[in-house]
Every structure is written in C-alpha cells, then in structure tokens.
Amino acid sequence: MKKDCLIVLSGGMDSVTMLHDYKNRIALAVTFDYGSNHNAREAECAARQCQALGIEHLVILLSFMGQYFKSSLLEGADAVPDADYAEDNMKSTVVPFRNGIMLSVACGLAESRGLQHVMLANHGGDHAIYPDCRPDFIRSMSAAMQFGTYPHIDILAPYTDLTKADIARIGRRIGVDYSLTYSCYRGGERHCGRCATCRERREAMAEAGIDDPTVYEES
C-alpha cells in the first residue's frame, strides 16, 4: 500500500491509535509544539511511537501561539479546571483556531513531501467544545486545502463521528499500549486524574473494557 499520508500526532490516545491503525499509509508524523502545558510530554510519547513503527517524526514549533493566544492550556497547570467536558467550564481550554493553524502547516508540508492526505484524530466527544474539531469545519478546511494546492490535498479524519471509547476499542483490537500515551492537560509527571481529559481518558478505557495502565496522581 502506498504511503500517502501525513498525520498530525499529539502523542495522546486518539492520534496514537490512528497512527497504529493507519501505519501502512502514514509516511510522516508531525507534532506541533505550541507552548501548551502538556506539549513536552506528548511529544516524547509521539516520538517513541514513531520510532517503534519506523515512521519519520518531526516536531514543528508554533511558539507564537503560546506567546500571543489565550487559553488555560497555555497558562500553566493551575489554570486548567477540574471538570468533565461541558461547555461552560471547558471553553477556557480552547486554543483559538489551533487545528486550523496546524492543518495549514501540515498541508504545506504534505505538498512539499509529495503526500496526498493530512490525517487528524478529532472525534465526536470534541464537537461540543472545540469548533475546529467539528465535521463542518473539517469538511470546509479540507475543501480549502484542495482548492489551495496543486495536488488537491485533503483531510482524512476517519474518527470524526466516533466516541473516545470507540477509539479505545480500536486500540484494544490492534494492540495499542496506552501506557505509552499522554493526555493530561496539566502536563505533570503523572496524569492528574481530575481534569476533563483525564476523566474522559479513564471513562473511555473503562467503557472499552481496557484495564487502565495510566498512573494518576491520586494513586
């Protein structure tokens, strides 16, 4: 099978699952360092996964986002709320137009490398909070990329309508080791277990029948 895809790889559960799920099509993985609390730990996981699969991995700095944009993900661990995903308390974690910026850079890199598709691991649980994870945005951004590139590069986002538990089930089926992924919005040595992404991670694994290997602060 031709390797015709670039994947935006954070090092969290969703994108690492997609990396393994589509490894035969992925020629390049890109992690964006935009100054978030958890960037460094995610990037370490992303690099380890790519090394194990023999997939080229790049880290691209987007430091201007951390310098100029406003989000609790950019303002230190104490700024992140203890909460489940709900619109009122999770809007603070939105990094404005993050996926739009990353996809634009990834699109230019894909064209430079002769690749046809950019993969993104957004999923259904993101839709309520993050505008740049929603199906309409993905379709519109993909159309813009096709119009703006000679080879008509598009976005492949096959997890868009799945839940995080659905993704975890895929990971269980294909043997993804989730102990080698990182999700916590606070970015500590251990997952805090209290922020929304930690709670979502734990609930998804439980629903998928996976014994959670994550080390949480509370344990």
N, C-alpha and C. Protein backbone atom coordinates (compact mmCIF):
# COMPACT_ATOMS: atom_id res chain seq x y z
N MET A 1 0.84 -1.19 0.00
CA MET A 1 0.00 0.00 0.00
C MET A 1 0.87 1.25 0.00
N LYS A 2 0.51 2.23 -0.82
CA LYS A 2 1.29 3.45 -0.92
C LYS A 2 1.18 4.27 0.35
N LYS A 3 2.31 4.80 0.82
CA LYS A 3 2.31 5.69 1.97
C LYS A 3 2.09 7.11 1.46
N ASP A 4 0.85 7.58 1.61
CA ASP A 4 0.46 8.85 1.03
C ASP A 4 -0.08 9.85 2.04
N CYS A 5 0.13 9.56 3.35
CA CYS A 5 -0.48 10.39 4.39
C CYS A 5 0.55 11.00 5.33
N LEU A 6 0.22 12.19 5.79
CA LEU A 6 0.89 12.85 6.92
C LEU A 6 -0.11 12.87 8.06
N ILE A 7 0.31 12.54 9.26
CA ILE A 7 -0.60 12.58 10.41
C ILE A 7 -0.16 13.66 11.39
N VAL A 8 -1.13 14.41 11.89
CA VAL A 8 -0.89 15.33 13.00
C VAL A 8 -0.96 14.49 14.27
N LEU A 9 0.18 14.33 14.93
CA LEU A 9 0.31 13.37 16.03
C LEU A 9 0.62 14.10 17.33
N SER A 10 -0.30 14.04 18.28
CA SER A 10 -0.07 14.71 19.56
C SER A 10 0.70 13.83 20.55
N GLY A 11 0.47 12.52 20.48
CA GLY A 11 1.01 11.62 21.49
C GLY A 11 -0.04 11.18 22.49
N GLY A 12 -1.28 11.65 22.29
CA GLY A 12 -2.40 11.21 23.13
C GLY A 12 -3.05 9.95 22.58
N MET A 13 -4.10 9.51 23.26
CA MET A 13 -4.77 8.25 22.90
C MET A 13 -5.26 8.22 21.46
N ASP A 14 -5.91 9.29 21.04
CA ASP A 14 -6.62 9.28 19.76
C ASP A 14 -5.66 9.24 18.58
N SER A 15 -4.70 10.16 18.56
CA SER A 15 -3.79 10.21 17.42
C SER A 15 -2.83 9.03 17.40
N VAL A 16 -2.46 8.52 18.58
CA VAL A 16 -1.59 7.33 18.61
C VAL A 16 -2.35 6.11 18.09
N THR A 17 -3.63 6.00 18.44
CA THR A 17 -4.44 4.91 17.88
C THR A 17 -4.49 5.01 16.37
N MET A 18 -4.73 6.22 15.86
CA MET A 18 -4.78 6.41 14.41
C MET A 18 -3.44 6.09 13.77
N LEU A 19 -2.34 6.46 14.42
CA LEU A 19 -1.01 6.15 13.90
C LEU A 19 -0.85 4.66 13.68
N HIS A 20 -1.25 3.86 14.66
CA HIS A 20 -1.14 2.40 14.54
C HIS A 20 -2.17 1.85 13.56
N ASP A 21 -3.36 2.42 13.58
CA ASP A 21 -4.45 1.94 12.73
C ASP A 21 -4.13 2.13 11.25
N TYR A 22 -3.43 3.22 10.92
CA TYR A 22 -3.15 3.56 9.52
C TYR A 22 -1.65 3.57 9.23
N LYS A 23 -0.89 2.82 9.99
CA LYS A 23 0.57 2.86 9.86
C LYS A 23 1.06 2.51 8.46
N ASN A 24 0.31 1.70 7.74
CA ASN A 24 0.74 1.31 6.39
C ASN A 24 0.56 2.42 5.37
N ARG A 25 -0.16 3.47 5.74
CA ARG A 25 -0.37 4.59 4.82
C ARG A 25 0.38 5.85 5.24
N ILE A 26 0.91 5.87 6.45
CA ILE A 26 1.49 7.10 7.00
C ILE A 26 2.99 7.17 6.71
N ALA A 27 3.38 8.21 5.99
CA ALA A 27 4.79 8.41 5.66
C ALA A 27 5.48 9.36 6.64
N LEU A 28 4.71 10.23 7.28
CA LEU A 28 5.29 11.27 8.13
C LEU A 28 4.31 11.64 9.24
N ALA A 29 4.83 11.77 10.45
CA ALA A 29 4.04 12.24 11.59
C ALA A 29 4.61 13.57 12.06
N VAL A 30 3.73 14.51 12.37
CA VAL A 30 4.16 15.84 12.79
C VAL A 30 3.50 16.18 14.13
N THR A 31 4.33 16.55 15.08
CA THR A 31 3.86 17.05 16.37
C THR A 31 4.12 18.54 16.42
N PHE A 32 3.12 19.31 16.81
CA PHE A 32 3.26 20.76 16.88
C PHE A 32 3.47 21.19 18.33
N ASP A 33 4.55 21.91 18.58
CA ASP A 33 4.84 22.45 19.90
C ASP A 33 4.36 23.90 19.92
N TYR A 34 3.20 24.10 20.53
CA TYR A 34 2.60 25.44 20.54
C TYR A 34 2.59 26.04 21.95
N GLY A 35 3.36 25.43 22.85
CA GLY A 35 3.53 26.00 24.18
C GLY A 35 2.51 25.56 25.20
N SER A 36 1.80 24.46 24.94
CA SER A 36 0.80 24.01 25.91
C SER A 36 1.46 23.38 27.13
N ASN A 37 0.68 23.27 28.20
CA ASN A 37 1.19 22.67 29.44
C ASN A 37 1.73 21.27 29.21
N HIS A 38 1.11 20.53 28.30
CA HIS A 38 1.42 19.12 28.13
C HIS A 38 2.19 18.79 26.86
N ASN A 39 2.62 19.81 26.13
CA ASN A 39 3.31 19.57 24.85
C ASN A 39 4.52 18.66 24.97
N ALA A 40 5.39 18.95 25.94
CA ALA A 40 6.66 18.22 26.03
C ALA A 40 6.43 16.74 26.29
N ARG A 41 5.50 16.41 27.18
CA ARG A 41 5.25 15.00 27.50
C ARG A 41 4.56 14.29 26.34
N GLU A 42 3.65 14.98 25.67
CA GLU A 42 3.01 14.39 24.50
C GLU A 42 4.03 14.13 23.38
N ALA A 43 4.90 15.10 23.15
CA ALA A 43 5.89 14.97 22.07
C ALA A 43 6.83 13.80 22.33
N GLU A 44 7.16 13.59 23.58
CA GLU A 44 8.02 12.45 23.93
C GLU A 44 7.32 11.13 23.59
N CYS A 45 6.03 11.04 23.91
CA CYS A 45 5.27 9.83 23.57
C CYS A 45 5.16 9.67 22.06
N ALA A 46 4.91 10.76 21.35
CA ALA A 46 4.78 10.69 19.90
C ALA A 46 6.06 10.19 19.26
N ALA A 47 7.20 10.71 19.72
CA ALA A 47 8.49 10.29 19.16
C ALA A 47 8.74 8.81 19.40
N ARG A 48 8.39 8.34 20.60
CA ARG A 48 8.60 6.92 20.94
C ARG A 48 7.74 6.02 20.06
N GLN A 49 6.50 6.42 19.83
CA GLN A 49 5.60 5.62 18.99
C GLN A 49 6.12 5.54 17.55
N CYS A 50 6.56 6.66 17.02
CA CYS A 50 7.06 6.69 15.64
C CYS A 50 8.34 5.88 15.49
N GLN A 51 9.19 5.96 16.48
CA GLN A 51 10.43 5.18 16.43
C GLN A 51 10.12 3.69 16.39
N ALA A 52 9.13 3.27 17.18
CA ALA A 52 8.77 1.85 17.24
C ALA A 52 8.19 1.37 15.90
N LEU A 53 7.51 2.26 15.19
CA LEU A 53 6.87 1.89 13.93
C LEU A 53 7.73 2.20 12.71
N GLY A 54 8.85 2.87 12.91
CA GLY A 54 9.70 3.22 11.78
C GLY A 54 9.12 4.30 10.90
N ILE A 55 8.37 5.23 11.52
CA ILE A 55 7.74 6.34 10.80
C ILE A 55 8.49 7.63 11.13
N GLU A 56 8.82 8.40 10.11
CA GLU A 56 9.52 9.66 10.34
C GLU A 56 8.67 10.59 11.20
N HIS A 57 9.33 11.28 12.13
CA HIS A 57 8.61 12.15 13.05
C HIS A 57 9.29 13.51 13.10
N LEU A 58 8.52 14.56 12.95
CA LEU A 58 9.02 15.93 13.06
C LEU A 58 8.28 16.66 14.19
N VAL A 59 8.99 17.54 14.88
CA VAL A 59 8.37 18.47 15.82
C VAL A 59 8.53 19.87 15.24
N ILE A 60 7.41 20.55 15.05
CA ILE A 60 7.42 21.89 14.47
C ILE A 60 6.97 22.89 15.53
N LEU A 61 7.78 23.92 15.72
CA LEU A 61 7.49 24.92 16.74
C LEU A 61 6.47 25.94 16.24
N LEU A 62 5.46 26.17 17.05
CA LEU A 62 4.48 27.23 16.82
C LEU A 62 4.44 28.11 18.06
N SER A 63 5.60 28.59 18.44
CA SER A 63 5.74 29.28 19.72
C SER A 63 4.93 30.57 19.80
N PHE A 64 4.60 31.16 18.66
CA PHE A 64 3.80 32.39 18.68
C PHE A 64 2.43 32.15 19.33
N MET A 65 1.92 30.92 19.23
CA MET A 65 0.61 30.65 19.82
C MET A 65 0.69 30.75 21.34
N GLY A 66 1.71 30.15 21.92
CA GLY A 66 1.88 30.24 23.36
C GLY A 66 2.15 31.66 23.84
N GLN A 67 2.74 32.47 22.96
CA GLN A 67 3.09 33.84 23.33
C GLN A 67 1.91 34.79 23.24
N TYR A 68 1.06 34.59 22.22
CA TYR A 68 0.02 35.58 21.94
C TYR A 68 -1.41 35.10 22.15
N PHE A 69 -1.65 33.80 22.15
CA PHE A 69 -3.01 33.30 22.24
C PHE A 69 -3.40 33.11 23.71
N LYS A 70 -4.70 33.11 23.97
CA LYS A 70 -5.20 32.94 25.33
C LYS A 70 -5.94 31.62 25.46
N SER A 71 -5.50 30.80 26.41
CA SER A 71 -6.13 29.51 26.72
C SER A 71 -5.54 29.00 28.02
N SER A 72 -6.34 28.31 28.82
CA SER A 72 -5.79 27.73 30.05
C SER A 72 -4.74 26.67 29.76
N LEU A 73 -4.76 26.09 28.55
CA LEU A 73 -3.73 25.12 28.19
C LEU A 73 -2.36 25.76 28.00
N LEU A 74 -2.34 27.08 27.90
CA LEU A 74 -1.10 27.81 27.68
C LEU A 74 -0.64 28.58 28.92
N GLU A 75 -1.40 28.48 30.00
CA GLU A 75 -1.18 29.37 31.15
C GLU A 75 -0.76 28.65 32.42
N GLY A 76 -0.33 27.40 32.30
CA GLY A 76 0.13 26.66 33.47
C GLY A 76 -0.93 25.74 34.03
N ALA A 77 -0.47 24.77 34.83
CA ALA A 77 -1.35 23.72 35.34
C ALA A 77 -2.50 24.26 36.18
N ASP A 78 -2.24 25.31 36.95
CA ASP A 78 -3.27 25.82 37.86
C ASP A 78 -4.43 26.47 37.12
N ALA A 79 -4.24 26.83 35.86
CA ALA A 79 -5.31 27.48 35.10
C ALA A 79 -6.33 26.49 34.56
N VAL A 80 -6.00 25.19 34.55
CA VAL A 80 -6.88 24.16 33.99
C VAL A 80 -7.94 23.77 35.01
N PRO A 81 -9.22 23.83 34.66
CA PRO A 81 -10.27 23.49 35.62
C PRO A 81 -10.37 21.99 35.89
N ASP A 82 -10.79 21.65 37.11
CA ASP A 82 -11.17 20.27 37.44
C ASP A 82 -12.62 20.11 37.00
N ALA A 83 -12.84 19.36 35.92
CA ALA A 83 -14.20 19.29 35.40
C ALA A 83 -14.33 18.24 34.34
N ASP A 84 -15.58 17.77 34.13
CA ASP A 84 -15.90 16.98 32.96
C ASP A 84 -16.05 17.92 31.77
N TYR A 85 -16.11 17.33 30.56
CA TYR A 85 -16.33 18.16 29.39
C TYR A 85 -17.74 18.73 29.43
N ALA A 86 -17.84 20.01 29.57
CA ALA A 86 -19.11 20.73 29.49
C ALA A 86 -18.79 22.14 29.02
N GLU A 87 -19.68 22.70 28.23
CA GLU A 87 -19.35 23.94 27.54
C GLU A 87 -18.95 25.06 28.48
N ASP A 88 -19.68 25.22 29.59
CA ASP A 88 -19.46 26.37 30.46
C ASP A 88 -18.07 26.36 31.10
N ASN A 89 -17.60 25.17 31.49
CA ASN A 89 -16.33 25.16 32.23
C ASN A 89 -15.14 24.73 31.40
N MET A 90 -15.35 24.33 30.14
CA MET A 90 -14.23 23.85 29.33
C MET A 90 -13.83 24.80 28.21
N LYS A 91 -14.59 25.88 28.02
CA LYS A 91 -14.20 26.83 26.98
C LYS A 91 -12.81 27.40 27.22
N SER A 92 -12.40 27.45 28.48
CA SER A 92 -11.08 28.01 28.78
C SER A 92 -9.95 27.19 28.17
N THR A 93 -10.22 25.90 27.85
CA THR A 93 -9.16 25.05 27.30
C THR A 93 -9.05 25.16 25.78
N VAL A 94 -9.94 25.92 25.15
CA VAL A 94 -9.86 26.10 23.70
C VAL A 94 -8.64 26.96 23.36
N VAL A 95 -7.79 26.46 22.47
CA VAL A 95 -6.71 27.26 21.90
C VAL A 95 -7.23 27.77 20.56
N PRO A 96 -7.47 29.06 20.42
CA PRO A 96 -8.18 29.58 19.24
C PRO A 96 -7.59 29.12 17.91
N PHE A 97 -8.44 28.47 17.12
CA PHE A 97 -8.14 28.03 15.76
C PHE A 97 -6.89 27.14 15.69
N ARG A 98 -6.62 26.42 16.76
CA ARG A 98 -5.43 25.58 16.81
C ARG A 98 -5.38 24.59 15.65
N ASN A 99 -6.45 23.84 15.44
CA ASN A 99 -6.42 22.84 14.36
C ASN A 99 -6.32 23.49 12.99
N GLY A 100 -6.94 24.65 12.82
CA GLY A 100 -6.84 25.34 11.55
C GLY A 100 -5.39 25.71 11.23
N ILE A 101 -4.69 26.21 12.23
CA ILE A 101 -3.28 26.59 12.04
C ILE A 101 -2.43 25.35 11.77
N MET A 102 -2.62 24.31 12.58
CA MET A 102 -1.83 23.09 12.41
C MET A 102 -2.09 22.44 11.06
N LEU A 103 -3.35 22.38 10.67
CA LEU A 103 -3.69 21.76 9.39
C LEU A 103 -3.11 22.54 8.22
N SER A 104 -3.08 23.87 8.34
CA SER A 104 -2.49 24.68 7.27
C SER A 104 -1.02 24.37 7.09
N VAL A 105 -0.30 24.31 8.22
CA VAL A 105 1.13 23.99 8.15
C VAL A 105 1.32 22.56 7.63
N ALA A 106 0.52 21.64 8.14
CA ALA A 106 0.63 20.25 7.71
C ALA A 106 0.34 20.10 6.22
N CYS A 107 -0.60 20.89 5.72
CA CYS A 107 -0.94 20.84 4.30
C CYS A 107 0.25 21.27 3.44
N GLY A 108 0.89 22.38 3.82
CA GLY A 108 2.06 22.83 3.08
C GLY A 108 3.19 21.83 3.12
N LEU A 109 3.37 21.19 4.28
CA LEU A 109 4.42 20.18 4.40
C LEU A 109 4.09 18.95 3.57
N ALA A 110 2.81 18.54 3.57
CA ALA A 110 2.40 17.39 2.76
C ALA A 110 2.65 17.65 1.28
N GLU A 111 2.31 18.86 0.82
CA GLU A 111 2.56 19.17 -0.59
C GLU A 111 4.06 19.16 -0.88
N SER A 112 4.86 19.67 0.03
CA SER A 112 6.31 19.69 -0.15
C SER A 112 6.90 18.29 -0.21
N ARG A 113 6.26 17.36 0.49
CA ARG A 113 6.75 15.98 0.55
C ARG A 113 6.09 15.06 -0.48
N GLY A 114 5.19 15.58 -1.27
CA GLY A 114 4.53 14.74 -2.27
C GLY A 114 3.49 13.81 -1.68
N LEU A 115 2.88 14.19 -0.55
CA LEU A 115 1.85 13.39 0.09
C LEU A 115 0.47 13.95 -0.24
N GLN A 116 -0.54 13.10 -0.20
CA GLN A 116 -1.86 13.47 -0.69
C GLN A 116 -2.87 13.81 0.39
N HIS A 117 -2.67 13.28 1.60
CA HIS A 117 -3.68 13.42 2.65
C HIS A 117 -3.03 13.85 3.97
N VAL A 118 -3.78 14.65 4.72
CA VAL A 118 -3.40 15.01 6.09
C VAL A 118 -4.42 14.36 7.02
N MET A 119 -3.93 13.59 7.98
CA MET A 119 -4.81 12.87 8.91
C MET A 119 -4.90 13.61 10.24
N LEU A 120 -6.11 13.66 10.79
CA LEU A 120 -6.37 14.30 12.07
C LEU A 120 -7.29 13.40 12.89
N ALA A 121 -6.99 13.26 14.17
CA ALA A 121 -7.73 12.31 15.02
C ALA A 121 -8.77 13.01 15.90
N ASN A 122 -9.48 13.98 15.35
CA ASN A 122 -10.62 14.54 16.08
C ASN A 122 -11.70 13.48 16.21
N HIS A 123 -12.56 13.63 17.21
CA HIS A 123 -13.62 12.63 17.41
C HIS A 123 -14.88 13.30 17.95
N GLY A 124 -15.94 12.51 18.05
CA GLY A 124 -17.24 13.04 18.40
C GLY A 124 -17.31 13.72 19.75
N GLY A 125 -16.50 13.30 20.70
CA GLY A 125 -16.50 13.91 22.02
C GLY A 125 -15.97 15.33 22.03
N ASP A 126 -15.26 15.71 20.97
CA ASP A 126 -14.69 17.06 20.89
C ASP A 126 -15.68 18.10 20.38
N HIS A 127 -16.76 17.65 19.74
CA HIS A 127 -17.57 18.56 18.94
C HIS A 127 -18.22 19.67 19.75
N ALA A 128 -18.68 19.37 20.96
CA ALA A 128 -19.43 20.35 21.73
C ALA A 128 -18.56 21.54 22.15
N ILE A 129 -17.29 21.28 22.41
CA ILE A 129 -16.43 22.32 22.98
C ILE A 129 -15.55 22.98 21.94
N TYR A 130 -14.99 22.20 21.01
CA TYR A 130 -13.94 22.71 20.13
C TYR A 130 -14.47 22.90 18.71
N PRO A 131 -14.67 24.15 18.28
CA PRO A 131 -15.24 24.39 16.95
C PRO A 131 -14.39 23.81 15.82
N ASP A 132 -13.06 23.78 16.00
CA ASP A 132 -12.21 23.30 14.92
C ASP A 132 -11.99 21.79 14.95
N CYS A 133 -12.89 21.09 15.64
CA CYS A 133 -12.93 19.62 15.60
C CYS A 133 -14.23 19.12 14.96
N ARG A 134 -15.15 20.02 14.68
CA ARG A 134 -16.48 19.63 14.22
C ARG A 134 -16.49 19.23 12.75
N PRO A 135 -17.44 18.37 12.37
CA PRO A 135 -17.48 17.88 10.98
C PRO A 135 -17.53 18.99 9.94
N ASP A 136 -18.32 20.04 10.19
CA ASP A 136 -18.43 21.12 9.20
C ASP A 136 -17.08 21.81 9.00
N PHE A 137 -16.34 22.01 10.10
CA PHE A 137 -15.03 22.63 9.97
C PHE A 137 -14.08 21.73 9.18
N ILE A 138 -14.07 20.45 9.50
CA ILE A 138 -13.16 19.52 8.81
C ILE A 138 -13.47 19.49 7.32
N ARG A 139 -14.75 19.44 6.97
CA ARG A 139 -15.12 19.45 5.55
C ARG A 139 -14.69 20.75 4.88
N SER A 140 -14.93 21.87 5.55
CA SER A 140 -14.59 23.17 4.96
C SER A 140 -13.08 23.34 4.83
N MET A 141 -12.34 22.93 5.85
CA MET A 141 -10.88 23.06 5.81
C MET A 141 -10.30 22.15 4.73
N SER A 142 -10.86 20.97 4.61
CA SER A 142 -10.39 20.04 3.57
C SER A 142 -10.64 20.63 2.19
N ALA A 143 -11.80 21.26 2.01
CA ALA A 143 -12.10 21.88 0.71
C ALA A 143 -11.14 23.02 0.43
N ALA A 144 -10.83 23.84 1.44
CA ALA A 144 -9.90 24.95 1.25
C ALA A 144 -8.51 24.43 0.87
N MET A 145 -8.08 23.35 1.52
CA MET A 145 -6.78 22.76 1.21
C MET A 145 -6.74 22.23 -0.23
N GLN A 146 -7.83 21.62 -0.65
CA GLN A 146 -7.89 21.11 -2.03
C GLN A 146 -7.82 22.24 -3.05
N PHE A 147 -8.54 23.34 -2.77
CA PHE A 147 -8.51 24.47 -3.69
C PHE A 147 -7.15 25.18 -3.67
N GLY A 148 -6.44 25.09 -2.53
CA GLY A 148 -5.22 25.86 -2.37
C GLY A 148 -3.93 25.11 -2.69
N THR A 149 -4.03 23.89 -3.18
CA THR A 149 -2.83 23.11 -3.50
C THR A 149 -2.96 22.51 -4.90
N TYR A 150 -1.84 22.39 -5.57
CA TYR A 150 -1.85 21.79 -6.92
C TYR A 150 -2.34 20.34 -6.91
N PRO A 151 -1.88 19.50 -5.94
CA PRO A 151 -2.35 18.10 -5.96
C PRO A 151 -3.68 17.90 -5.24
N HIS A 152 -4.33 19.00 -4.81
CA HIS A 152 -5.65 18.91 -4.15
C HIS A 152 -5.57 18.04 -2.89
N ILE A 153 -4.66 18.40 -2.01
CA ILE A 153 -4.50 17.69 -0.74
C ILE A 153 -5.77 17.84 0.10
N ASP A 154 -6.17 16.75 0.76
CA ASP A 154 -7.37 16.80 1.59
C ASP A 154 -7.09 16.27 2.99
N ILE A 155 -8.12 16.34 3.82
CA ILE A 155 -8.04 15.85 5.19
C ILE A 155 -8.73 14.50 5.28
N LEU A 156 -8.07 13.55 5.91
CA LEU A 156 -8.69 12.28 6.30
C LEU A 156 -8.89 12.31 7.81
N ALA A 157 -10.13 12.24 8.23
CA ALA A 157 -10.45 12.29 9.66
C ALA A 157 -11.47 11.18 9.96
N PRO A 158 -11.05 9.93 9.88
CA PRO A 158 -12.00 8.81 9.98
C PRO A 158 -12.60 8.61 11.36
N TYR A 159 -12.09 9.29 12.37
CA TYR A 159 -12.65 9.14 13.72
C TYR A 159 -13.65 10.24 14.07
N THR A 160 -13.97 11.10 13.12
CA THR A 160 -14.78 12.29 13.41
C THR A 160 -16.09 11.95 14.10
N ASP A 161 -16.74 10.87 13.72
CA ASP A 161 -18.05 10.54 14.28
C ASP A 161 -17.98 9.45 15.35
N LEU A 162 -16.78 9.08 15.75
CA LEU A 162 -16.61 8.05 16.79
C LEU A 162 -16.51 8.70 18.17
N THR A 163 -16.82 7.92 19.20
CA THR A 163 -16.55 8.36 20.56
C THR A 163 -15.13 7.97 20.95
N LYS A 164 -14.65 8.51 22.05
CA LYS A 164 -13.32 8.14 22.52
C LYS A 164 -13.30 6.66 22.92
N ALA A 165 -14.42 6.16 23.43
CA ALA A 165 -14.50 4.73 23.75
C ALA A 165 -14.40 3.88 22.50
N ASP A 166 -15.01 4.33 21.41
CA ASP A 166 -14.89 3.63 20.13
C ASP A 166 -13.43 3.55 19.71
N ILE A 167 -12.72 4.66 19.87
CA ILE A 167 -11.31 4.70 19.50
C ILE A 167 -10.51 3.75 20.39
N ALA A 168 -10.83 3.74 21.68
CA ALA A 168 -10.15 2.83 22.60
C ALA A 168 -10.39 1.38 22.21
N ARG A 169 -11.58 1.07 21.72
CA ARG A 169 -11.87 -0.30 21.27
C ARG A 169 -11.01 -0.66 20.06
N ILE A 170 -10.83 0.30 19.16
CA ILE A 170 -9.92 0.06 18.03
C ILE A 170 -8.52 -0.22 18.55
N GLY A 171 -8.08 0.60 19.49
CA GLY A 171 -6.75 0.41 20.06
C GLY A 171 -6.59 -0.93 20.74
N ARG A 172 -7.62 -1.36 21.45
CA ARG A 172 -7.55 -2.67 22.09
C ARG A 172 -7.43 -3.78 21.05
N ARG A 173 -8.18 -3.64 19.97
CA ARG A 173 -8.17 -4.66 18.92
C ARG A 173 -6.81 -4.77 18.23
N ILE A 174 -6.15 -3.63 18.02
CA ILE A 174 -4.88 -3.66 17.28
C ILE A 174 -3.67 -3.65 18.20
N GLY A 175 -3.91 -3.66 19.51
CA GLY A 175 -2.81 -3.83 20.45
C GLY A 175 -2.04 -2.57 20.83
N VAL A 176 -2.71 -1.42 20.85
CA VAL A 176 -2.03 -0.18 21.26
C VAL A 176 -1.77 -0.21 22.76
N ASP A 177 -0.56 0.13 23.15
CA ASP A 177 -0.18 0.21 24.57
C ASP A 177 -0.43 1.64 25.04
N TYR A 178 -1.54 1.85 25.74
CA TYR A 178 -1.91 3.20 26.15
C TYR A 178 -1.07 3.73 27.31
N SER A 179 -0.26 2.89 27.91
CA SER A 179 0.66 3.39 28.93
C SER A 179 1.73 4.29 28.29
N LEU A 180 1.89 4.18 26.97
CA LEU A 180 2.88 4.98 26.25
C LEU A 180 2.23 6.15 25.53
N THR A 181 1.12 6.64 26.08
CA THR A 181 0.46 7.84 25.57
C THR A 181 0.29 8.81 26.73
N TYR A 182 0.01 10.06 26.40
CA TYR A 182 -0.15 11.08 27.45
C TYR A 182 -1.30 12.00 27.07
N SER A 183 -2.13 12.35 28.07
CA SER A 183 -3.31 13.16 27.78
C SER A 183 -3.51 14.36 28.71
N CYS A 184 -2.97 14.35 29.90
CA CYS A 184 -3.35 15.31 30.94
C CYS A 184 -3.09 16.76 30.53
N TYR A 185 -4.10 17.59 30.69
CA TYR A 185 -3.99 19.00 30.33
C TYR A 185 -3.04 19.77 31.25
N ARG A 186 -2.73 19.20 32.42
CA ARG A 186 -1.86 19.93 33.34
C ARG A 186 -0.37 19.69 33.05
N GLY A 187 -0.06 18.59 32.40
CA GLY A 187 1.31 18.36 31.95
C GLY A 187 2.27 17.88 33.02
N GLY A 188 1.76 17.33 34.12
CA GLY A 188 2.64 16.85 35.18
C GLY A 188 3.28 15.51 34.84
N GLU A 189 4.18 15.08 35.72
CA GLU A 189 4.85 13.80 35.50
C GLU A 189 3.84 12.66 35.47
N ARG A 190 2.84 12.75 36.33
CA ARG A 190 1.72 11.82 36.32
C ARG A 190 0.46 12.53 35.84
N HIS A 191 -0.47 11.77 35.26
CA HIS A 191 -1.78 12.34 34.93
C HIS A 191 -2.45 12.78 36.23
N CYS A 192 -3.08 13.96 36.20
CA CYS A 192 -3.68 14.48 37.44
C CYS A 192 -4.90 13.66 37.86
N GLY A 193 -5.64 13.12 36.88
CA GLY A 193 -6.84 12.34 37.18
C GLY A 193 -8.07 13.18 37.42
N ARG A 194 -7.94 14.52 37.38
CA ARG A 194 -9.05 15.40 37.73
C ARG A 194 -9.52 16.27 36.58
N CYS A 195 -8.62 16.61 35.67
CA CYS A 195 -9.03 17.47 34.55
C CYS A 195 -9.92 16.69 33.59
N ALA A 196 -10.57 17.41 32.69
CA ALA A 196 -11.55 16.77 31.81
C ALA A 196 -10.94 15.69 30.94
N THR A 197 -9.75 15.92 30.42
CA THR A 197 -9.18 14.93 29.51
C THR A 197 -8.74 13.68 30.26
N CYS A 198 -8.31 13.83 31.50
CA CYS A 198 -8.00 12.64 32.32
C CYS A 198 -9.26 11.83 32.58
N ARG A 199 -10.35 12.53 32.91
CA ARG A 199 -11.60 11.83 33.20
C ARG A 199 -12.13 11.14 31.95
N GLU A 200 -12.04 11.83 30.82
CA GLU A 200 -12.51 11.25 29.56
C GLU A 200 -11.67 10.03 29.20
N ARG A 201 -10.36 10.11 29.42
CA ARG A 201 -9.44 9.00 29.14
C ARG A 201 -9.83 7.78 29.97
N ARG A 202 -10.03 8.00 31.26
CA ARG A 202 -10.37 6.89 32.16
C ARG A 202 -11.71 6.27 31.78
N GLU A 203 -12.70 7.11 31.50
CA GLU A 203 -14.03 6.61 31.16
C GLU A 203 -14.02 5.84 29.85
N ALA A 204 -13.24 6.31 28.87
CA ALA A 204 -13.18 5.64 27.57
C ALA A 204 -12.58 4.25 27.71
N MET A 205 -11.52 4.14 28.48
CA MET A 205 -10.89 2.82 28.67
C MET A 205 -11.82 1.88 29.41
N ALA A 206 -12.52 2.39 30.41
CA ALA A 206 -13.45 1.55 31.15
C ALA A 206 -14.57 1.05 30.24
N GLU A 207 -15.10 1.94 29.42
CA GLU A 207 -16.18 1.56 28.51
C GLU A 207 -15.71 0.55 27.46
N ALA A 208 -14.42 0.67 27.08
CA ALA A 208 -13.87 -0.24 26.07
C ALA A 208 -13.36 -1.55 26.67
N GLY A 209 -13.45 -1.68 27.99
CA GLY A 209 -13.02 -2.92 28.64
C GLY A 209 -11.51 -3.05 28.75
N ILE A 210 -10.81 -1.91 28.84
CA ILE A 210 -9.36 -1.91 28.96
C ILE A 210 -8.97 -1.63 30.41
N ASP A 211 -8.08 -2.42 30.96
CA ASP A 211 -7.52 -2.12 32.27
C ASP A 211 -6.61 -0.90 32.12
N ASP A 212 -7.00 0.20 32.72
CA ASP A 212 -6.30 1.47 32.52
C ASP A 212 -4.88 1.39 33.08
N PRO A 213 -3.86 1.54 32.21
CA PRO A 213 -2.48 1.47 32.68
C PRO A 213 -1.93 2.81 33.14
N THR A 214 -2.76 3.85 33.08
CA THR A 214 -2.30 5.21 33.38
C THR A 214 -1.99 5.35 34.86
N VAL A 215 -0.89 6.01 35.16
CA VAL A 215 -0.53 6.32 36.54
C VAL A 215 -1.07 7.72 36.86
N TYR A 216 -2.02 7.80 37.79
CA TYR A 216 -2.62 9.07 38.18
C TYR A 216 -2.04 9.55 39.50
N GLU A 217 -2.03 10.84 39.71
CA GLU A 217 -1.50 11.41 40.96
C GLU A 217 -2.20 10.84 42.17
N GLU A 218 -3.51 10.66 42.06
CA GLU A 218 -4.29 10.23 43.22
C GLU A 218 -3.97 8.80 43.63
N SER A 219 -3.32 8.01 42.73
CA SER A 219 -2.99 6.63 43.06
C SER A 219 -1.56 6.51 43.54
